[in-house]
Amino acid sequence: MGYISEKFQRAYQREYEKEAEKNALIWMTSKDYLTKCLDIHEQLHNDYSLQEQVSSWLFMLRMKRTPDLLGYKTAILSNDMAVLHSALLQSAMIKHVTLGVDSGCDHCINIWITLDILAAGLFTRVPLLLPERLGMSDNGHPVTIAITNLVMALWYKRTDFEVDARKKAEAVLASKQATIDLVTIRYLIALLDGDVEEAGNQLDLYCQNVPRVKEYGVTKLNKMFWPYAHGLYNLAFVVWGNEKASAITKPESDCFFNDLAEWQIQHNYRHGKLFFEYPMPIDLINTIIACTPPECSLHQPYLDTDKKYKEKRYLHAEHFEQQMTKMALEALLQRTP
């Protein structure tokens, strides 16, 4: 979709209002969101140390107390791609610093936040989420593993990665999976093949299938603007370069915003002001989400008592959260006069 039409704006506003009635974590205004954040601070943090406040806010932000949908709505209703980019930045940064949740999977569990990071143009963070030293993923859902390994093969341009990634991708393509997952894999293979036309076709099919996504927590409102599509599109610009990637035909579906894609390219995915800044006395949140998180790491082996997964690696979520808390605390102490 190019310029956001008034018809789409009205439809988005209606759907936003409907969703806000059902979901207490969707706010109509920035003032409403700020009031909630201040309430949390006043009710919980009066006797907390600085370290306890950091840990608490990492948990609260992880529990979706973030203004991402509010930012998207503000940008869409004002047709402002700079605001939309800043909302994507804030959403991706918050998701990244709050990764510390056990999943039982290896680094493939990071692939969805990787797409958010790519959508926001935070390209230098991809190696933190999918470290080259961890090698190919092999513990998780087959679709997630296949997508992760294809992205790593593209990112690191390693022949051995590509061979393994193609093998796992072909196995998934031969199985029964959701159409959008199969199309994602075909799109990534087109990027590996350097096939501009096929990449454009598959990305368009991907966006056409967004309305058919059936996942817990994914609503009609979420499907009206789909950041993952922009993450996939931006990946092409990183691995192919601007000249070749610009030849990819942009999707025609409403969930992909052509104006956003063009704005990001023209402004070199600049990292400016975020959509929402937290005021005193909760301004420490600004410092927390501005921290560049540590590289993820894995436990190995899995569990001594679990024979099936004994040799499997899995994300060391506790270590990540400990490091993240330490880094945020140090950043806060440095800014204290």
Foldseek 3Di string as FASTA:
>chain_A
DEQQDPVLLVVLVVVLVVVVVVDVLADQDPVVLLVVVVVCCVVPPPPPDPLRVLLVVLVVVCVNSAHLLVQVSVCSNVVNLVSNLLSLLLNLLSCVLSVLDFDQFALLVCVVSLLSCLLSLVVVQNCLSVPPVVPQGDGDPLLSSLLSLLLVCLQVVDPVSVVVSVVSLVVVLPDDDDPLSNLSNQLSVCLVVLPQASNLVSLQVNLVCLVVDDDPPCDPSCNQAPSSSSSSLSSSCNRPNDPSSVSRDHHPHRNDYPNSSVVCVVVVSDNDHHNDQRDPPVNLVVLLSVDSFGRWDWDAQRDPVDVVRRGPITTPSVVRNVRSSVRSVVSVVVVDD
